[in-house]
C-alpha cells in the first residue's frame, strides 16, 4: 500500500468518513494493525469499503492500541482477530 497517497485520520475525519459511507449505503470495516510493513513499530487503523472490498485512502497511526481506538467513530462493534488473519491484524471494528 502506498502510504504517501493516504491521508492521516483525525477523530472528526473518521466520523465524517463513517457518516458518508453510511449515507452511500456502504459498510466500513475498520481494521487495526500492529506494526504493518509500512509503519513498523506503530499501530495503524485503516477503513475498508465493504461494498468495494478495498481500503480507503485514509489511515490513522499511533503508538498504542488505546490511542488508535480514540480515532475510531463511536458506535462501532469490535471483532477479535480471526485465526486466519494476517499476523499484524489486531482487531476489526464494524
PDB file of N, CA and C in Angstrom:
ATOM      1  N   UNK A   1       0.852  -1.181   0.000  1.00  0.00           N
ATOM      2  CA  UNK A   1       0.000   0.000   0.000  1.00  0.00           C
ATOM      3  C   UNK A   1       0.893   1.238   0.000  1.00  0.00           C
ATOM      4  N   UNK A   2       0.564   2.188  -0.811  1.00  0.00           N
ATOM      5  CA  UNK A   2       1.330   3.420  -0.932  1.00  0.00           C
ATOM      6  C   UNK A   2       0.886   4.393   0.164  1.00  0.00           C
ATOM      7  N   UNK A   3       1.705   4.531   1.225  1.00  0.00           N
ATOM      8  CA  UNK A   3       1.318   5.390   2.343  1.00  0.00           C
ATOM      9  C   UNK A   3       1.404   6.863   1.998  1.00  0.00           C
ATOM     10  N   UNK A   4       2.133   7.224   0.963  1.00  0.00           N
ATOM     11  CA  UNK A   4       2.233   8.639   0.607  1.00  0.00           C
ATOM     12  C   UNK A   4       0.918   9.156   0.041  1.00  0.00           C
ATOM     13  N   UNK A   5       0.074   8.265  -0.461  1.00  0.00           N
ATOM     14  CA  UNK A   5      -1.188   8.680  -1.057  1.00  0.00           C
ATOM     15  C   UNK A   5      -2.328   8.686  -0.039  1.00  0.00           C
ATOM     16  N   UNK A   6      -2.061   8.255   1.190  1.00  0.00           N
ATOM     17  CA  UNK A   6      -3.134   8.209   2.171  1.00  0.00           C
ATOM     18  C   UNK A   6      -3.098   9.433   3.080  1.00  0.00           C
ATOM     19  N   UNK A   7      -4.259   9.759   3.627  1.00  0.00           N
ATOM     20  CA  UNK A   7      -4.437  10.950   4.451  1.00  0.00           C
ATOM     21  C   UNK A   7      -4.517  10.527   5.915  1.00  0.00           C
ATOM     22  N   UNK A   8      -3.853  11.262   6.785  1.00  0.00           N
ATOM     23  CA  UNK A   8      -3.856  10.977   8.219  1.00  0.00           C
ATOM     24  C   UNK A   8      -5.215  11.304   8.828  1.00  0.00           C
ATOM     25  N   UNK A   9      -5.815  10.323   9.508  1.00  0.00           N
ATOM     26  CA  UNK A   9      -7.124  10.491  10.135  1.00  0.00           C
ATOM     27  C   UNK A   9      -7.049  11.273  11.438  1.00  0.00           C
ATOM     28  N   UNK A  10      -8.071  12.061  11.670  1.00  0.00           N
ATOM     29  CA  UNK A  10      -8.347  12.638  12.983  1.00  0.00           C
ATOM     30  C   UNK A  10      -9.680  12.022  13.430  1.00  0.00           C
ATOM     31  N   UNK A  11     -10.018  12.100  14.707  1.00  0.00           N
ATOM     32  CA  UNK A  11     -11.319  11.559  15.136  1.00  0.00           C
ATOM     33  C   UNK A  11     -12.495  12.179  14.368  1.00  0.00           C
ATOM     34  N   UNK A  12     -12.455  13.490  14.135  1.00  0.00           N
ATOM     35  CA  UNK A  12     -13.532  14.146  13.394  1.00  0.00           C
ATOM     36  C   UNK A  12     -13.613  13.661  11.961  1.00  0.00           C
ATOM     37  N   UNK A  13     -12.471  13.468  11.334  1.00  0.00           N
ATOM     38  CA  UNK A  13     -12.457  12.969   9.961  1.00  0.00           C
ATOM     39  C   UNK A  13     -12.993  11.539   9.909  1.00  0.00           C
ATOM     40  N   UNK A  14     -12.624  10.721  10.892  1.00  0.00           N
ATOM     41  CA  UNK A  14     -13.116   9.345  10.930  1.00  0.00           C
ATOM     42  C   UNK A  14     -14.638   9.314  11.044  1.00  0.00           C
ATOM     43  N   UNK A  15     -15.201  10.196  11.877  1.00  0.00           N
ATOM     44  CA  UNK A  15     -16.666  10.275  11.985  1.00  0.00           C
ATOM     45  C   UNK A  15     -17.289  10.648  10.650  1.00  0.00           C
ATOM     46  N   UNK A  16     -16.689  11.605   9.958  1.00  0.00           N
ATOM     47  CA  UNK A  16     -17.218  12.047   8.667  1.00  0.00           C
ATOM     48  C   UNK A  16     -17.094  10.946   7.609  1.00  0.00           C
ATOM     49  N   UNK A  17     -15.994  10.249   7.595  1.00  0.00           N
ATOM     50  CA  UNK A  17     -15.808   9.132   6.653  1.00  0.00           C
ATOM     51  C   UNK A  17     -16.880   8.068   6.902  1.00  0.00           C
ATOM     52  N   UNK A  18     -17.122   7.754   8.179  1.00  0.00           N
ATOM     53  CA  UNK A  18     -18.143   6.761   8.541  1.00  0.00           C
ATOM     54  C   UNK A  18     -19.532   7.248   8.139  1.00  0.00           C
ATOM     55  N   UNK A  19     -19.839   8.502   8.433  1.00  0.00           N
ATOM     56  CA  UNK A  19     -21.154   9.085   8.111  1.00  0.00           C
ATOM     57  C   UNK A  19     -21.402   9.069   6.598  1.00  0.00           C
ATOM     58  N   UNK A  20     -20.394   9.458   5.829  1.00  0.00           N
ATOM     59  CA  UNK A  20     -20.532   9.495   4.367  1.00  0.00           C
ATOM     60  C   UNK A  20     -20.715   8.089   3.792  1.00  0.00           C
ATOM     61  N   UNK A  21     -19.982   7.124   4.309  1.00  0.00           N
ATOM     62  CA  UNK A  21     -20.132   5.744   3.834  1.00  0.00           C
ATOM     63  C   UNK A  21     -21.543   5.231   4.128  1.00  0.00           C
ATOM     64  N   UNK A  22     -22.031   5.505   5.327  1.00  0.00           N
ATOM     65  CA  UNK A  22     -23.384   5.081   5.693  1.00  0.00           C
ATOM     66  C   UNK A  22     -24.409   5.732   4.782  1.00  0.00           C
ATOM     67  N   UNK A  23     -24.226   7.016   4.495  1.00  0.00           N
ATOM     68  CA  UNK A  23     -25.139   7.734   3.595  1.00  0.00           C
ATOM     69  C   UNK A  23     -25.186   7.078   2.217  1.00  0.00           C
ATOM     70  N   UNK A  24     -24.049   6.562   1.758  1.00  0.00           N
ATOM     71  CA  UNK A  24     -23.966   5.894   0.446  1.00  0.00           C
ATOM     72  C   UNK A  24     -24.429   4.440   0.493  1.00  0.00           C
ATOM     73  N   UNK A  25     -24.755   3.940   1.681  1.00  0.00           N
ATOM     74  CA  UNK A  25     -25.182   2.553   1.816  1.00  0.00           C
ATOM     75  C   UNK A  25     -24.022   1.582   1.914  1.00  0.00           C
ATOM     76  N   UNK A  26     -22.849   2.080   2.227  1.00  0.00           N
ATOM     77  CA  UNK A  26     -21.661   1.235   2.359  1.00  0.00           C
ATOM     78  C   UNK A  26     -21.442   0.902   3.831  1.00  0.00           C
ATOM     79  N   UNK A  27     -20.803  -0.209   4.088  1.00  0.00           N
ATOM     80  CA  UNK A  27     -20.398  -0.598   5.436  1.00  0.00           C
ATOM     81  C   UNK A  27     -18.879  -0.551   5.480  1.00  0.00           C
ATOM     82  N   UNK A  28     -18.350   0.239   6.405  1.00  0.00           N
ATOM     83  CA  UNK A  28     -16.899   0.297   6.544  1.00  0.00           C
ATOM     84  C   UNK A  28     -16.441  -0.726   7.569  1.00  0.00           C
ATOM     85  N   UNK A  29     -15.337  -1.352   7.274  1.00  0.00           N
ATOM     86  CA  UNK A  29     -14.674  -2.279   8.182  1.00  0.00           C
ATOM     87  C   UNK A  29     -13.357  -1.614   8.573  1.00  0.00           C
ATOM     88  N   UNK A  30     -13.233  -1.244   9.835  1.00  0.00           N
ATOM     89  CA  UNK A  30     -12.049  -0.548  10.344  1.00  0.00           C
ATOM     90  C   UNK A  30     -11.103  -1.603  10.902  1.00  0.00           C
ATOM     91  N   UNK A  31      -9.966  -1.802  10.267  1.00  0.00           N
ATOM     92  CA  UNK A  31      -9.019  -2.839  10.665  1.00  0.00           C
ATOM     93  C   UNK A  31      -7.817  -2.206  11.356  1.00  0.00           C
ATOM     94  N   UNK A  32      -7.491  -2.746  12.533  1.00  0.00           N
ATOM     95  CA  UNK A  32      -6.363  -2.259  13.325  1.00  0.00           C
ATOM     96  C   UNK A  32      -5.188  -3.215  13.146  1.00  0.00           C
ATOM     97  N   UNK A  33      -4.048  -2.649  12.803  1.00  0.00           N
ATOM     98  CA  UNK A  33      -2.821  -3.409  12.578  1.00  0.00           C
ATOM     99  C   UNK A  33      -1.769  -3.030  13.611  1.00  0.00           C
ATOM    100  N   UNK A  34      -0.962  -4.004  13.999  1.00  0.00           N
ATOM    101  CA  UNK A  34       0.193  -3.759  14.865  1.00  0.00           C
ATOM    102  C   UNK A  34       1.458  -3.933  14.032  1.00  0.00           C
ATOM    103  N   UNK A  35       2.165  -2.850  13.844  1.00  0.00           N
ATOM    104  CA  UNK A  35       3.456  -2.854  13.145  1.00  0.00           C
ATOM    105  C   UNK A  35       3.373  -3.417  11.722  1.00  0.00           C
ATOM    106  N   UNK A  36       2.473  -2.863  10.887  1.00  0.00           N
ATOM    107  CA  UNK A  36       2.431  -3.326   9.493  1.00  0.00           C
ATOM    108  C   UNK A  36       3.726  -2.925   8.773  1.00  0.00           C
ATOM    109  N   UNK A  37       3.955  -3.512   7.629  1.00  0.00           N
ATOM    110  CA  UNK A  37       5.207  -3.283   6.902  1.00  0.00           C
ATOM    111  C   UNK A  37       5.491  -1.815   6.628  1.00  0.00           C
ATOM    112  N   UNK A  38       4.442  -1.035   6.367  1.00  0.00           N
ATOM    113  CA  UNK A  38       4.650   0.373   6.034  1.00  0.00           C
ATOM    114  C   UNK A  38       4.751   1.291   7.248  1.00  0.00           C
ATOM    115  N   UNK A  39       4.473   0.782   8.444  1.00  0.00           N
ATOM    116  CA  UNK A  39       4.590   1.573   9.671  1.00  0.00           C
ATOM    117  C   UNK A  39       5.125   0.696  10.800  1.00  0.00           C
ATOM    118  N   UNK A  40       6.319   0.188  10.636  1.00  0.00           N
ATOM    119  CA  UNK A  40       6.943  -0.677  11.636  1.00  0.00           C
ATOM    120  C   UNK A  40       6.990   0.025  12.994  1.00  0.00           C
ATOM    121  N   UNK A  41       6.595  -0.716  14.044  1.00  0.00           N
ATOM    122  CA  UNK A  41       6.631  -0.182  15.398  1.00  0.00           C
ATOM    123  C   UNK A  41       5.455   0.698  15.765  1.00  0.00           C
ATOM    124  N   UNK A  42       4.471   0.828  14.888  1.00  0.00           N
ATOM    125  CA  UNK A  42       3.295   1.678  15.130  1.00  0.00           C
ATOM    126  C   UNK A  42       2.014   0.853  15.040  1.00  0.00           C
ATOM    127  N   UNK A  43       0.960   1.399  15.625  1.00  0.00           N
ATOM    128  CA  UNK A  43      -0.385   0.858  15.457  1.00  0.00           C
ATOM    129  C   UNK A  43      -1.039   1.668  14.343  1.00  0.00           C
ATOM    130  N   UNK A  44      -1.787   0.988  13.485  1.00  0.00           N
ATOM    131  CA  UNK A  44      -2.416   1.645  12.339  1.00  0.00           C
ATOM    132  C   UNK A  44      -3.863   1.164  12.221  1.00  0.00           C
ATOM    133  N   UNK A  45      -4.770   2.079  11.913  1.00  0.00           N
ATOM    134  CA  UNK A  45      -6.147   1.706  11.587  1.00  0.00           C
ATOM    135  C   UNK A  45      -6.435   2.184  10.176  1.00  0.00           C
ATOM    136  N   UNK A  46      -7.074   1.286   9.410  1.00  0.00           N
ATOM    137  CA  UNK A  46      -7.460   1.611   8.030  1.00  0.00           C
ATOM    138  C   UNK A  46      -8.908   1.182   7.809  1.00  0.00           C
ATOM    139  N   UNK A  47      -9.728   2.072   7.267  1.00  0.00           N
ATOM    140  CA  UNK A  47     -11.092   1.674   6.922  1.00  0.00           C
ATOM    141  C   UNK A  47     -11.116   1.037   5.527  1.00  0.00           C
ATOM    142  N   UNK A  48     -11.892  -0.028   5.420  1.00  0.00           N
ATOM    143  CA  UNK A  48     -12.085  -0.723   4.147  1.00  0.00           C
ATOM    144  C   UNK A  48     -13.549  -0.628   3.768  1.00  0.00           C
ATOM    145  N   UNK A  49     -13.815  -0.387   2.496  1.00  0.00           N
ATOM    146  CA  UNK A  49     -15.183  -0.338   1.986  1.00  0.00           C
ATOM    147  C   UNK A  49     -15.704  -1.766   1.839  1.00  0.00           C
ATOM    148  N   UNK A  50     -16.825  -2.044   2.492  1.00  0.00           N
ATOM    149  CA  UNK A  50     -17.436  -3.360   2.342  1.00  0.00           C
ATOM    150  C   UNK A  50     -18.002  -3.565   0.950  1.00  0.00           C
ATOM    151  N   UNK A  51     -18.510  -2.497   0.360  1.00  0.00           N
ATOM    152  CA  UNK A  51     -19.106  -2.592  -0.974  1.00  0.00           C
ATOM    153  C   UNK A  51     -18.051  -2.820  -2.049  1.00  0.00           C
ATOM    154  N   UNK A  52     -16.936  -2.098  -1.948  1.00  0.00           N
ATOM    155  CA  UNK A  52     -15.912  -2.190  -2.986  1.00  0.00           C
ATOM    156  C   UNK A  52     -14.766  -3.128  -2.592  1.00  0.00           C
ATOM    157  N   UNK A  53     -14.778  -3.623  -1.334  1.00  0.00           N
ATOM    158  CA  UNK A  53     -13.745  -4.536  -0.847  1.00  0.00           C
ATOM    159  C   UNK A  53     -12.340  -3.974  -1.075  1.00  0.00           C
ATOM    160  N   UNK A  54     -12.178  -2.706  -0.704  1.00  0.00           N
ATOM    161  CA  UNK A  54     -10.895  -2.033  -0.904  1.00  0.00           C
ATOM    162  C   UNK A  54     -10.652  -1.041   0.231  1.00  0.00           C
ATOM    163  N   UNK A  55      -9.390  -0.779   0.571  1.00  0.00           N
ATOM    164  CA  UNK A  55      -9.127   0.220   1.607  1.00  0.00           C
ATOM    165  C   UNK A  55      -9.387   1.629   1.087  1.00  0.00           C
ATOM    166  N   UNK A  56      -9.833   2.503   1.974  1.00  0.00           N
ATOM    167  CA  UNK A  56      -9.962   3.912   1.633  1.00  0.00           C
ATOM    168  C   UNK A  56      -8.588   4.560   1.761  1.00  0.00           C
ATOM    169  N   UNK A  57      -8.422   5.716   1.189  1.00  0.00           N
ATOM    170  CA  UNK A  57      -7.121   6.378   1.199  1.00  0.00           C
ATOM    171  C   UNK A  57      -6.932   7.270   2.427  1.00  0.00           C
ATOM    172  N   UNK A  58      -7.335   6.744   3.582  1.00  0.00           N
ATOM    173  CA  UNK A  58      -7.097   7.400   4.862  1.00  0.00           C
ATOM    174  C   UNK A  58      -6.578   6.344   5.825  1.00  0.00           C
ATOM    175  N   UNK A  59      -5.825   6.794   6.833  1.00  0.00           N
ATOM    176  CA  UNK A  59      -5.332   5.879   7.847  1.00  0.00           C
ATOM    177  C   UNK A  59      -4.959   6.663   9.087  1.00  0.00           C
ATOM    178  N   UNK A  60      -5.060   5.978  10.233  1.00  0.00           N
ATOM    179  CA  UNK A  60      -4.645   6.571  11.486  1.00  0.00           C
ATOM    180  C   UNK A  60      -3.425   5.826  11.997  1.00  0.00           C
ATOM    181  N   UNK A  61      -2.480   6.564  12.562  1.00  0.00           N
ATOM    182  CA  UNK A  61      -1.247   5.974  13.078  1.00  0.00           C
ATOM    183  C   UNK A  61      -1.056   6.462  14.506  1.00  0.00           C
ATOM    184  N   UNK A  62      -0.684   5.547  15.401  1.00  0.00           N
ATOM    185  CA  UNK A  62      -0.447   5.904  16.802  1.00  0.00           C
ATOM    186  C   UNK A  62       0.570   4.939  17.402  1.00  0.00           C
ATOM    187  N   UNK A  63       0.963   5.256  18.624  1.00  0.00           N
ATOM    188  CA  UNK A  63       1.929   4.400  19.315  1.00  0.00           C
ATOM    189  C   UNK A  63       1.274   3.242  20.052  1.00  0.00           C
ATOM    190  N   UNK A  64       0.015   3.407  20.476  1.00  0.00           N
ATOM    191  CA  UNK A  64      -0.634   2.371  21.283  1.00  0.00           C
ATOM    192  C   UNK A  64      -2.018   2.027  20.736  1.00  0.00           C
ATOM    193  N   UNK A  65      -2.510   0.876  21.150  1.00  0.00           N
ATOM    194  CA  UNK A  65      -3.854   0.456  20.770  1.00  0.00           C
ATOM    195  C   UNK A  65      -4.898   1.415  21.335  1.00  0.00           C
ATOM    196  N   UNK A  66      -4.714   1.852  22.564  1.00  0.00           N
ATOM    197  CA  UNK A  66      -5.666   2.806  23.150  1.00  0.00           C
ATOM    198  C   UNK A  66      -5.746   4.090  22.335  1.00  0.00           C
ATOM    199  N   UNK A  67      -4.614   4.579  21.855  1.00  0.00           N
ATOM    200  CA  UNK A  67      -4.611   5.799  21.028  1.00  0.00           C
ATOM    201  C   UNK A  67      -5.320   5.568  19.701  1.00  0.00           C
ATOM    202  N   UNK A  68      -5.126   4.406  19.111  1.00  0.00           N
ATOM    203  CA  UNK A  68      -5.816   4.075  17.846  1.00  0.00           C
ATOM    204  C   UNK A  68      -7.316   4.027  18.070  1.00  0.00           C
ATOM    205  N   UNK A  69      -7.737   3.418  19.159  1.00  0.00           N
ATOM    206  CA  UNK A  69      -9.174   3.305  19.435  1.00  0.00           C
ATOM    207  C   UNK A  69      -9.832   4.669  19.595  1.00  0.00           C
ATOM    208  N   UNK A  70      -9.074   5.674  20.043  1.00  0.00           N
ATOM    209  CA  UNK A  70      -9.622   7.030  20.171  1.00  0.00           C
ATOM    210  C   UNK A  70      -9.920   7.659  18.810  1.00  0.00           C
ATOM    211  N   UNK A  71      -9.313   7.149  17.760  1.00  0.00           N
ATOM    212  CA  UNK A  71      -9.557   7.664  16.407  1.00  0.00           C
ATOM    213  C   UNK A  71     -10.839   7.107  15.794  1.00  0.00           C
ATOM    214  N   UNK A  72     -11.305   5.975  16.302  1.00  0.00           N
ATOM    215  CA  UNK A  72     -12.460   5.302  15.697  1.00  0.00           C
ATOM    216  C   UNK A  72     -13.764   6.035  15.982  1.00  0.00           C
ATOM    217  N   UNK A  73     -14.682   6.031  15.009  1.00  0.00           N
ATOM    218  CA  UNK A  73     -16.001   6.627  15.246  1.00  0.00           C
ATOM    219  C   UNK A  73     -16.745   5.862  16.342  1.00  0.00           C
ATOM    220  N   UNK A  74     -17.583   6.553  17.080  1.00  0.00           N
ATOM    221  CA  UNK A  74     -18.393   5.911  18.118  1.00  0.00           C
ATOM    222  C   UNK A  74     -19.433   5.003  17.484  1.00  0.00           C
ATOM    223  N   UNK A  75     -19.883   4.018  18.250  1.00  0.00           N
ATOM    224  CA  UNK A  75     -20.968   3.151  17.819  1.00  0.00           C
ATOM    225  C   UNK A  75     -20.544   1.930  17.025  1.00  0.00           C
ATOM    226  N   UNK A  76     -19.248   1.677  16.920  1.00  0.00           N
ATOM    227  CA  UNK A  76     -18.771   0.507  16.193  1.00  0.00           C
ATOM    228  C   UNK A  76     -18.725  -0.706  17.119  1.00  0.00           C
ATOM    229  N   UNK A  77     -18.719  -1.890  16.530  1.00  0.00           N
ATOM    230  CA  UNK A  77     -18.664  -3.154  17.258  1.00  0.00           C
ATOM    231  C   UNK A  77     -17.328  -3.819  16.965  1.00  0.00           C
ATOM    232  N   UNK A  78     -16.609  -4.232  18.023  1.00  0.00           N
ATOM    233  CA  UNK A  78     -15.275  -4.821  17.867  1.00  0.00           C
ATOM    234  C   UNK A  78     -15.354  -6.319  17.633  1.00  0.00           C
ATOM    235  N   UNK A  79     -14.560  -6.779  16.667  1.00  0.00           N
ATOM    236  CA  UNK A  79     -14.383  -8.200  16.397  1.00  0.00           C
ATOM    237  C   UNK A  79     -12.926  -8.559  16.673  1.00  0.00           C
ATOM    238  N   UNK A  80     -12.722  -9.641  17.416  1.00  0.00           N
ATOM    239  CA  UNK A  80     -11.355 -10.115  17.650  1.00  0.00           C
ATOM    240  C   UNK A  80     -10.752 -10.600  16.348  1.00  0.00           C
ATOM    241  N   UNK A  81      -9.439 -10.657  16.327  1.00  0.00           N
ATOM    242  CA  UNK A  81      -8.756 -11.136  15.122  1.00  0.00           C
ATOM    243  C   UNK A  81      -9.118 -12.599  14.899  1.00  0.00           C
ATOM    244  N   UNK A  82      -9.263 -12.967  13.657  1.00  0.00           N
ATOM    245  CA  UNK A  82      -9.561 -14.335  13.259  1.00  0.00           C
ATOM    246  C   UNK A  82      -8.244 -15.081  13.091  1.00  0.00           C
ATOM    247  N   UNK A  83      -8.237 -16.352  13.392  1.00  0.00           N
ATOM    248  CA  UNK A  83      -7.000 -17.139  13.313  1.00  0.00           C
ATOM    249  C   UNK A  83      -6.384 -17.140  11.916  1.00  0.00           C
ATOM    250  N   UNK A  84      -7.182 -16.882  10.884  1.00  0.00           N
ATOM    251  CA  UNK A  84      -6.671 -16.856   9.513  1.00  0.00           C
ATOM    252  C   UNK A  84      -6.241 -15.463   9.047  1.00  0.00           C
ATOM    253  N   UNK A  85      -6.411 -14.451   9.898  1.00  0.00           N
ATOM    254  CA  UNK A  85      -5.976 -13.095   9.544  1.00  0.00           C
ATOM    255  C   UNK A  85      -4.449 -13.043   9.439  1.00  0.00           C
ATOM    256  N   UNK A  86      -3.971 -12.067   8.695  1.00  0.00           N
ATOM    257  CA  UNK A  86      -2.525 -11.858   8.667  1.00  0.00           C
ATOM    258  C   UNK A  86      -2.075 -11.508  10.080  1.00  0.00           C
ATOM    259  N   UNK A  87      -0.847 -11.900  10.448  1.00  0.00           N
ATOM    260  CA  UNK A  87      -0.395 -11.724  11.834  1.00  0.00           C
ATOM    261  C   UNK A  87      -0.448 -10.293  12.362  1.00  0.00           C
ATOM    262  N   UNK A  88      -0.343  -9.293  11.514  1.00  0.00           N
ATOM    263  CA  UNK A  88      -0.332  -7.905  12.009  1.00  0.00           C
ATOM    264  C   UNK A  88      -1.714  -7.382  12.373  1.00  0.00           C
ATOM    265  N   UNK A  89      -2.787  -8.073  12.016  1.00  0.00           N
ATOM    266  CA  UNK A  89      -4.145  -7.622  12.375  1.00  0.00           C
ATOM    267  C   UNK A  89      -4.395  -7.896  13.840  1.00  0.00           C
ATOM    268  N   UNK A  90      -4.814  -6.866  14.563  1.00  0.00           N
ATOM    269  CA  UNK A  90      -5.115  -6.965  15.994  1.00  0.00           C
ATOM    270  C   UNK A  90      -6.602  -7.182  16.216  1.00  0.00           C
ATOM    271  N   UNK A  91      -7.426  -6.372  15.548  1.00  0.00           N
ATOM    272  CA  UNK A  91      -8.878  -6.418  15.709  1.00  0.00           C
ATOM    273  C   UNK A  91      -9.515  -5.664  14.545  1.00  0.00           C
ATOM    274  N   UNK A  92     -10.817  -5.859  14.423  1.00  0.00           N
ATOM    275  CA  UNK A  92     -11.593  -5.202  13.380  1.00  0.00           C
ATOM    276  C   UNK A  92     -12.847  -4.619  14.009  1.00  0.00           C
ATOM    277  N   UNK A  93     -13.261  -3.460  13.493  1.00  0.00           N
ATOM    278  CA  UNK A  93     -14.464  -2.777  14.004  1.00  0.00           C
ATOM    279  C   UNK A  93     -15.433  -2.549  12.847  1.00  0.00           C
ATOM    280  N   UNK A  94     -16.705  -2.839  13.084  1.00  0.00           N
ATOM    281  CA  UNK A  94     -17.742  -2.580  12.074  1.00  0.00           C
ATOM    282  C   UNK A  94     -18.882  -1.803  12.702  1.00  0.00           C
TER     283      UNK A  94
END
